[in-house]
Each structure stands twice: as C-alpha cells, then as structure tokens.
Amino acid sequence: MADLRDALGQYILYQNVLTVKEPDRTLFLAISDRVFIDIFEEDLGQLVITQNQLKILVFNLETEEIIQWIV
C-alpha cells in the first residue's frame, strides 16, 4: 500500500508540473504486469485509476516489452 501511495503521489505531482510547464505532454505511470494484476485489476486499483484519471503503461519486467497502454 505504501508503494501505491508513493507512486500515486509522484504521478500527481509530476502531472501538475507538466500541466503548467509542458501541457502538450502526456504522463504515463509505468508498472509491471505483475503489479497491474495484483493491484490495478482489483476494485481498489480500478478506483484509483478512475478517480485520478491515470494513464498507465504496463510492461513485462523480464522481457522489458510494453504489454498494454491504458489511456
């Protein structure tokens, strides 16, 4: 839970700064497929995505391949 709190806090902070400094850029939260399955496919994770309008990049940690873009 602490990791989720920290990641979400950083995302929101960076998003606020980008909105002012570089409004044409889109910020994505990069997370491994394991984290996505363990946290973001659950009800709490879906709530966090929806309430914070997160844009997520899901990747495979071993192959370093992008699996999914969630906008």
PDB file of N, CA and C in Angstrom:
ATOM      1  N   MET A   1       0.828  -1.192   0.000  1.00  0.00           N
ATOM      2  CA  MET A   1       0.000   0.000   0.000  1.00  0.00           C
ATOM      3  C   MET A   1       0.874   1.258   0.000  1.00  0.00           C
ATOM      4  N   ALA A   2       1.987   1.213   0.722  1.00  0.00           N
ATOM      5  CA  ALA A   2       2.881   2.374   0.767  1.00  0.00           C
ATOM      6  C   ALA A   2       3.464   2.668  -0.619  1.00  0.00           C
ATOM      7  N   ASP A   3       3.805   1.612  -1.369  1.00  0.00           N
ATOM      8  CA  ASP A   3       4.340   1.811  -2.716  1.00  0.00           C
ATOM      9  C   ASP A   3       3.295   2.457  -3.626  1.00  0.00           C
ATOM     10  N   LEU A   4       2.054   2.020  -3.498  1.00  0.00           N
ATOM     11  CA  LEU A   4       0.975   2.607  -4.293  1.00  0.00           C
ATOM     12  C   LEU A   4       0.798   4.077  -3.932  1.00  0.00           C
ATOM     13  N   ARG A   5       0.809   4.378  -2.661  1.00  0.00           N
ATOM     14  CA  ARG A   5       0.677   5.768  -2.194  1.00  0.00           C
ATOM     15  C   ARG A   5       1.803   6.639  -2.753  1.00  0.00           C
ATOM     16  N   ASP A   6       3.028   6.127  -2.665  1.00  0.00           N
ATOM     17  CA  ASP A   6       4.179   6.892  -3.149  1.00  0.00           C
ATOM     18  C   ASP A   6       4.122   7.107  -4.657  1.00  0.00           C
ATOM     19  N   ALA A   7       3.796   6.047  -5.400  1.00  0.00           N
ATOM     20  CA  ALA A   7       3.723   6.146  -6.863  1.00  0.00           C
ATOM     21  C   ALA A   7       2.617   7.108  -7.281  1.00  0.00           C
ATOM     22  N   LEU A   8       1.479   7.013  -6.646  1.00  0.00           N
ATOM     23  CA  LEU A   8       0.362   7.894  -6.976  1.00  0.00           C
ATOM     24  C   LEU A   8       0.697   9.342  -6.642  1.00  0.00           C
ATOM     25  N   GLY A   9       1.335   9.562  -5.516  1.00  0.00           N
ATOM     26  CA  GLY A   9       1.743  10.917  -5.138  1.00  0.00           C
ATOM     27  C   GLY A   9       2.715  11.519  -6.137  1.00  0.00           C
ATOM     28  N   GLN A  10       3.702  10.728  -6.573  1.00  0.00           N
ATOM     29  CA  GLN A  10       4.654  11.206  -7.570  1.00  0.00           C
ATOM     30  C   GLN A  10       3.959  11.502  -8.889  1.00  0.00           C
ATOM     31  N   TYR A  11       3.059  10.619  -9.289  1.00  0.00           N
ATOM     32  CA  TYR A  11       2.331  10.798 -10.542  1.00  0.00           C
ATOM     33  C   TYR A  11       1.555  12.113 -10.518  1.00  0.00           C
ATOM     34  N   ILE A  12       0.825  12.341  -9.445  1.00  0.00           N
ATOM     35  CA  ILE A  12       0.018  13.552  -9.336  1.00  0.00           C
ATOM     36  C   ILE A  12       0.910  14.790  -9.325  1.00  0.00           C
ATOM     37  N   LEU A  13       2.006  14.742  -8.600  1.00  0.00           N
ATOM     38  CA  LEU A  13       2.937  15.866  -8.566  1.00  0.00           C
ATOM     39  C   LEU A  13       3.494  16.154  -9.956  1.00  0.00           C
ATOM     40  N   TYR A  14       3.989  15.127 -10.640  1.00  0.00           N
ATOM     41  CA  TYR A  14       4.539  15.304 -11.986  1.00  0.00           C
ATOM     42  C   TYR A  14       3.470  15.798 -12.957  1.00  0.00           C
ATOM     43  N   GLN A  15       2.263  15.283 -12.830  1.00  0.00           N
ATOM     44  CA  GLN A  15       1.179  15.700 -13.709  1.00  0.00           C
ATOM     45  C   GLN A  15       0.871  17.184 -13.520  1.00  0.00           C
ATOM     46  N   ASN A  16       0.857  17.619 -12.282  1.00  0.00           N
ATOM     47  CA  ASN A  16       0.606  19.040 -12.005  1.00  0.00           C
ATOM     48  C   ASN A  16       1.677  19.921 -12.624  1.00  0.00           C
ATOM     49  N   VAL A  17       2.926  19.529 -12.493  1.00  0.00           N
ATOM     50  CA  VAL A  17       4.027  20.315 -13.053  1.00  0.00           C
ATOM     51  C   VAL A  17       3.971  20.301 -14.578  1.00  0.00           C
ATOM     52  N   LEU A  18       3.748  19.125 -15.172  1.00  0.00           N
ATOM     53  CA  LEU A  18       3.684  19.036 -16.634  1.00  0.00           C
ATOM     54  C   LEU A  18       2.541  19.854 -17.217  1.00  0.00           C
ATOM     55  N   THR A  19       1.438  19.907 -16.510  1.00  0.00           N
ATOM     56  CA  THR A  19       0.295  20.679 -16.989  1.00  0.00           C
ATOM     57  C   THR A  19       0.678  22.138 -17.197  1.00  0.00           C
ATOM     58  N   VAL A  20       1.537  22.646 -16.338  1.00  0.00           N
ATOM     59  CA  VAL A  20       1.963  24.040 -16.440  1.00  0.00           C
ATOM     60  C   VAL A  20       3.159  24.195 -17.376  1.00  0.00           C
ATOM     61  N   LYS A  21       4.174  23.362 -17.199  1.00  0.00           N
ATOM     62  CA  LYS A  21       5.438  23.521 -17.927  1.00  0.00           C
ATOM     63  C   LYS A  21       5.393  23.000 -19.357  1.00  0.00           C
ATOM     64  N   GLU A  22       4.746  21.859 -19.556  1.00  0.00           N
ATOM     65  CA  GLU A  22       4.699  21.234 -20.885  1.00  0.00           C
ATOM     66  C   GLU A  22       3.319  20.618 -21.116  1.00  0.00           C
ATOM     67  N   PRO A  23       2.325  21.467 -21.341  1.00  0.00           N
ATOM     68  CA  PRO A  23       0.946  20.995 -21.405  1.00  0.00           C
ATOM     69  C   PRO A  23       0.652  20.027 -22.548  1.00  0.00           C
ATOM     70  N   ASP A  24       1.506  19.946 -23.551  1.00  0.00           N
ATOM     71  CA  ASP A  24       1.265  19.027 -24.665  1.00  0.00           C
ATOM     72  C   ASP A  24       1.745  17.602 -24.383  1.00  0.00           C
ATOM     73  N   ARG A  25       2.473  17.420 -23.302  1.00  0.00           N
ATOM     74  CA  ARG A  25       2.979  16.078 -22.965  1.00  0.00           C
ATOM     75  C   ARG A  25       1.932  15.275 -22.214  1.00  0.00           C
ATOM     76  N   THR A  26       1.995  13.961 -22.385  1.00  0.00           N
ATOM     77  CA  THR A  26       1.114  13.048 -21.672  1.00  0.00           C
ATOM     78  C   THR A  26       1.960  12.199 -20.733  1.00  0.00           C
ATOM     79  N   LEU A  27       1.581  12.150 -19.477  1.00  0.00           N
ATOM     80  CA  LEU A  27       2.302  11.390 -18.471  1.00  0.00           C
ATOM     81  C   LEU A  27       1.651  10.024 -18.280  1.00  0.00           C
ATOM     82  N   PHE A  28       2.474   8.988 -18.269  1.00  0.00           N
ATOM     83  CA  PHE A  28       2.012   7.630 -18.010  1.00  0.00           C
ATOM     84  C   PHE A  28       2.703   7.093 -16.775  1.00  0.00           C
ATOM     85  N   LEU A  29       1.982   6.321 -15.986  1.00  0.00           N
ATOM     86  CA  LEU A  29       2.546   5.595 -14.863  1.00  0.00           C
ATOM     87  C   LEU A  29       2.955   4.225 -15.390  1.00  0.00           C
ATOM     88  N   ALA A  30       4.257   3.939 -15.390  1.00  0.00           N
ATOM     89  CA  ALA A  30       4.759   2.659 -15.880  1.00  0.00           C
ATOM     90  C   ALA A  30       4.769   1.654 -14.740  1.00  0.00           C
ATOM     91  N   ILE A  31       4.088   0.520 -14.957  1.00  0.00           N
ATOM     92  CA  ILE A  31       4.043  -0.525 -13.930  1.00  0.00           C
ATOM     93  C   ILE A  31       4.226  -1.885 -14.588  1.00  0.00           C
ATOM     94  N   SER A  32       4.779  -2.799 -13.825  1.00  0.00           N
ATOM     95  CA  SER A  32       4.969  -4.150 -14.350  1.00  0.00           C
ATOM     96  C   SER A  32       3.634  -4.871 -14.446  1.00  0.00           C
ATOM     97  N   ASP A  33       3.607  -5.887 -15.278  1.00  0.00           N
ATOM     98  CA  ASP A  33       2.372  -6.660 -15.442  1.00  0.00           C
ATOM     99  C   ASP A  33       1.946  -7.318 -14.131  1.00  0.00           C
ATOM    100  N   ARG A  34       2.897  -7.714 -13.312  1.00  0.00           N
ATOM    101  CA  ARG A  34       2.581  -8.325 -12.011  1.00  0.00           C
ATOM    102  C   ARG A  34       1.869  -7.330 -11.095  1.00  0.00           C
ATOM    103  N   VAL A  35       2.391  -6.122 -11.026  1.00  0.00           N
ATOM    104  CA  VAL A  35       1.767  -5.081 -10.200  1.00  0.00           C
ATOM    105  C   VAL A  35       0.372  -4.773 -10.735  1.00  0.00           C
ATOM    106  N   PHE A  36       0.250  -4.708 -12.060  1.00  0.00           N
ATOM    107  CA  PHE A  36      -1.060  -4.438 -12.641  1.00  0.00           C
ATOM    108  C   PHE A  36      -2.062  -5.505 -12.232  1.00  0.00           C
ATOM    109  N   ILE A  37      -1.662  -6.755 -12.341  1.00  0.00           N
ATOM    110  CA  ILE A  37      -2.562  -7.859 -11.977  1.00  0.00           C
ATOM    111  C   ILE A  37      -2.873  -7.831 -10.485  1.00  0.00           C
ATOM    112  N   ASP A  38      -1.843  -7.663  -9.660  1.00  0.00           N
ATOM    113  CA  ASP A  38      -2.022  -7.731  -8.202  1.00  0.00           C
ATOM    114  C   ASP A  38      -2.793  -6.552  -7.635  1.00  0.00           C
ATOM    115  N   ILE A  39      -2.645  -5.372  -8.222  1.00  0.00           N
ATOM    116  CA  ILE A  39      -3.261  -4.171  -7.634  1.00  0.00           C
ATOM    117  C   ILE A  39      -4.331  -3.559  -8.517  1.00  0.00           C
ATOM    118  N   PHE A  40      -3.995  -3.297  -9.774  1.00  0.00           N
ATOM    119  CA  PHE A  40      -4.872  -2.479 -10.597  1.00  0.00           C
ATOM    120  C   PHE A  40      -6.025  -3.234 -11.254  1.00  0.00           C
ATOM    121  N   GLU A  41      -5.992  -4.557 -11.216  1.00  0.00           N
ATOM    122  CA  GLU A  41      -7.164  -5.296 -11.684  1.00  0.00           C
ATOM    123  C   GLU A  41      -8.169  -5.510 -10.565  1.00  0.00           C
ATOM    124  N   GLU A  42      -7.791  -5.182  -9.345  1.00  0.00           N
ATOM    125  CA  GLU A  42      -8.692  -5.286  -8.194  1.00  0.00           C
ATOM    126  C   GLU A  42      -9.552  -4.020  -8.102  1.00  0.00           C
ATOM    127  N   ASP A  43     -10.600  -4.094  -7.282  1.00  0.00           N
ATOM    128  CA  ASP A  43     -11.527  -2.967  -7.138  1.00  0.00           C
ATOM    129  C   ASP A  43     -10.811  -1.685  -6.690  1.00  0.00           C
ATOM    130  N   LEU A  44      -9.909  -1.798  -5.718  1.00  0.00           N
ATOM    131  CA  LEU A  44      -9.187  -0.622  -5.234  1.00  0.00           C
ATOM    132  C   LEU A  44      -8.357   0.000  -6.353  1.00  0.00           C
ATOM    133  N   GLY A  45      -7.673  -0.820  -7.109  1.00  0.00           N
ATOM    134  CA  GLY A  45      -6.862  -0.323  -8.213  1.00  0.00           C
ATOM    135  C   GLY A  45      -7.697   0.367  -9.276  1.00  0.00           C
ATOM    136  N   GLN A  46      -8.832  -0.219  -9.605  1.00  0.00           N
ATOM    137  CA  GLN A  46      -9.725   0.388 -10.587  1.00  0.00           C
ATOM    138  C   GLN A  46     -10.254   1.730 -10.096  1.00  0.00           C
ATOM    139  N   LEU A  47     -10.535   1.808  -8.801  1.00  0.00           N
ATOM    140  CA  LEU A  47     -10.982   3.067  -8.207  1.00  0.00           C
ATOM    141  C   LEU A  47      -9.890   4.134  -8.327  1.00  0.00           C
ATOM    142  N   VAL A  48      -8.657   3.757  -8.029  1.00  0.00           N
ATOM    143  CA  VAL A  48      -7.533   4.689  -8.116  1.00  0.00           C
ATOM    144  C   VAL A  48      -7.346   5.176  -9.553  1.00  0.00           C
ATOM    145  N   ILE A  49      -7.441   4.261 -10.520  1.00  0.00           N
ATOM    146  CA  ILE A  49      -7.307   4.635 -11.936  1.00  0.00           C
ATOM    147  C   ILE A  49      -8.391   5.631 -12.325  1.00  0.00           C
ATOM    148  N   THR A  50      -9.613   5.320 -11.981  1.00  0.00           N
ATOM    149  CA  THR A  50     -10.749   6.147 -12.369  1.00  0.00           C
ATOM    150  C   THR A  50     -10.729   7.511 -11.681  1.00  0.00           C
ATOM    151  N   GLN A  51     -10.556   7.520 -10.376  1.00  0.00           N
ATOM    152  CA  GLN A  51     -10.615   8.761  -9.615  1.00  0.00           C
ATOM    153  C   GLN A  51      -9.482   9.722  -9.954  1.00  0.00           C
ATOM    154  N   ASN A  52      -8.334   9.167 -10.348  1.00  0.00           N
ATOM    155  CA  ASN A  52      -7.175  10.010 -10.639  1.00  0.00           C
ATOM    156  C   ASN A  52      -6.882  10.125 -12.125  1.00  0.00           C
ATOM    157  N   GLN A  53      -7.759   9.542 -12.930  1.00  0.00           N
ATOM    158  CA  GLN A  53      -7.615   9.584 -14.390  1.00  0.00           C
ATOM    159  C   GLN A  53      -6.198   9.194 -14.815  1.00  0.00           C
ATOM    160  N   LEU A  54      -5.719   8.082 -14.235  1.00  0.00           N
ATOM    161  CA  LEU A  54      -4.368   7.614 -14.529  1.00  0.00           C
ATOM    162  C   LEU A  54      -4.250   7.097 -15.951  1.00  0.00           C
ATOM    163  N   LYS A  55      -3.138   7.387 -16.543  1.00  0.00           N
ATOM    164  CA  LYS A  55      -2.753   6.794 -17.816  1.00  0.00           C
ATOM    165  C   LYS A  55      -1.613   5.843 -17.466  1.00  0.00           C
ATOM    166  N   ILE A  56      -1.748   4.588 -17.885  1.00  0.00           N
ATOM    167  CA  ILE A  56      -0.825   3.545 -17.427  1.00  0.00           C
ATOM    168  C   ILE A  56      -0.175   2.845 -18.601  1.00  0.00           C
ATOM    169  N   LEU A  57       1.101   2.554 -18.430  1.00  0.00           N
ATOM    170  CA  LEU A  57       1.860   1.735 -19.363  1.00  0.00           C
ATOM    171  C   LEU A  57       2.217   0.460 -18.594  1.00  0.00           C
ATOM    172  N   VAL A  58       1.750  -0.684 -19.086  1.00  0.00           N
ATOM    173  CA  VAL A  58       2.023  -1.968 -18.437  1.00  0.00           C
ATOM    174  C   VAL A  58       3.122  -2.665 -19.225  1.00  0.00           C
ATOM    175  N   PHE A  59       4.164  -3.119 -18.513  1.00  0.00           N
ATOM    176  CA  PHE A  59       5.281  -3.770 -19.189  1.00  0.00           C
ATOM    177  C   PHE A  59       5.655  -5.073 -18.504  1.00  0.00           C
ATOM    178  N   ASN A  60       6.313  -5.953 -19.274  1.00  0.00           N
ATOM    179  CA  ASN A  60       6.837  -7.200 -18.735  1.00  0.00           C
ATOM    180  C   ASN A  60       8.236  -6.910 -18.214  1.00  0.00           C
ATOM    181  N   LEU A  61       8.453  -7.145 -16.939  1.00  0.00           N
ATOM    182  CA  LEU A  61       9.715  -6.821 -16.295  1.00  0.00           C
ATOM    183  C   LEU A  61      10.882  -7.636 -16.857  1.00  0.00           C
ATOM    184  N   GLU A  62      10.619  -8.895 -17.196  1.00  0.00           N
ATOM    185  CA  GLU A  62      11.694  -9.770 -17.680  1.00  0.00           C
ATOM    186  C   GLU A  62      12.109  -9.444 -19.110  1.00  0.00           C
ATOM    187  N   THR A  63      11.140  -9.241 -19.984  1.00  0.00           N
ATOM    188  CA  THR A  63      11.444  -9.001 -21.396  1.00  0.00           C
ATOM    189  C   THR A  63      11.546  -7.517 -21.731  1.00  0.00           C
ATOM    190  N   GLU A  64      11.119  -6.683 -20.789  1.00  0.00           N
ATOM    191  CA  GLU A  64      11.099  -5.234 -20.976  1.00  0.00           C
ATOM    192  C   GLU A  64      10.232  -4.811 -22.164  1.00  0.00           C
ATOM    193  N   GLU A  65       9.209  -5.592 -22.441  1.00  0.00           N
ATOM    194  CA  GLU A  65       8.267  -5.301 -23.516  1.00  0.00           C
ATOM    195  C   GLU A  65       7.035  -4.599 -22.962  1.00  0.00           C
ATOM    196  N   ILE A  66       6.527  -3.645 -23.714  1.00  0.00           N
ATOM    197  CA  ILE A  66       5.267  -2.993 -23.346  1.00  0.00           C
ATOM    198  C   ILE A  66       4.144  -3.941 -23.708  1.00  0.00           C
ATOM    199  N   ILE A  67       3.274  -4.180 -22.755  1.00  0.00           N
ATOM    200  CA  ILE A  67       2.153  -5.100 -22.941  1.00  0.00           C
ATOM    201  C   ILE A  67       0.872  -4.345 -23.249  1.00  0.00           C
ATOM    202  N   GLN A  68       0.682  -3.212 -22.569  1.00  0.00           N
ATOM    203  CA  GLN A  68      -0.594  -2.507 -22.704  1.00  0.00           C
ATOM    204  C   GLN A  68      -0.427  -1.030 -22.383  1.00  0.00           C
ATOM    205  N   TRP A  69      -1.130  -0.201 -23.140  1.00  0.00           N
ATOM    206  CA  TRP A  69      -1.257   1.232 -22.842  1.00  0.00           C
ATOM    207  C   TRP A  69      -2.689   1.454 -22.396  1.00  0.00           C
ATOM    208  N   ILE A  70      -2.884   2.056 -21.254  1.00  0.00           N
ATOM    209  CA  ILE A  70      -4.225   2.338 -20.756  1.00  0.00           C
ATOM    210  C   ILE A  70      -4.374   3.851 -20.672  1.00  0.00           C
ATOM    211  N   VAL A  71      -5.256   4.379 -21.515  1.00  0.00           N
ATOM    212  CA  VAL A  71      -5.434   5.833 -21.588  1.00  0.00           C
ATOM    213  C   VAL A  71      -6.791   6.200 -21.011  1.00  0.00           C
TER     214      VAL A  71
END
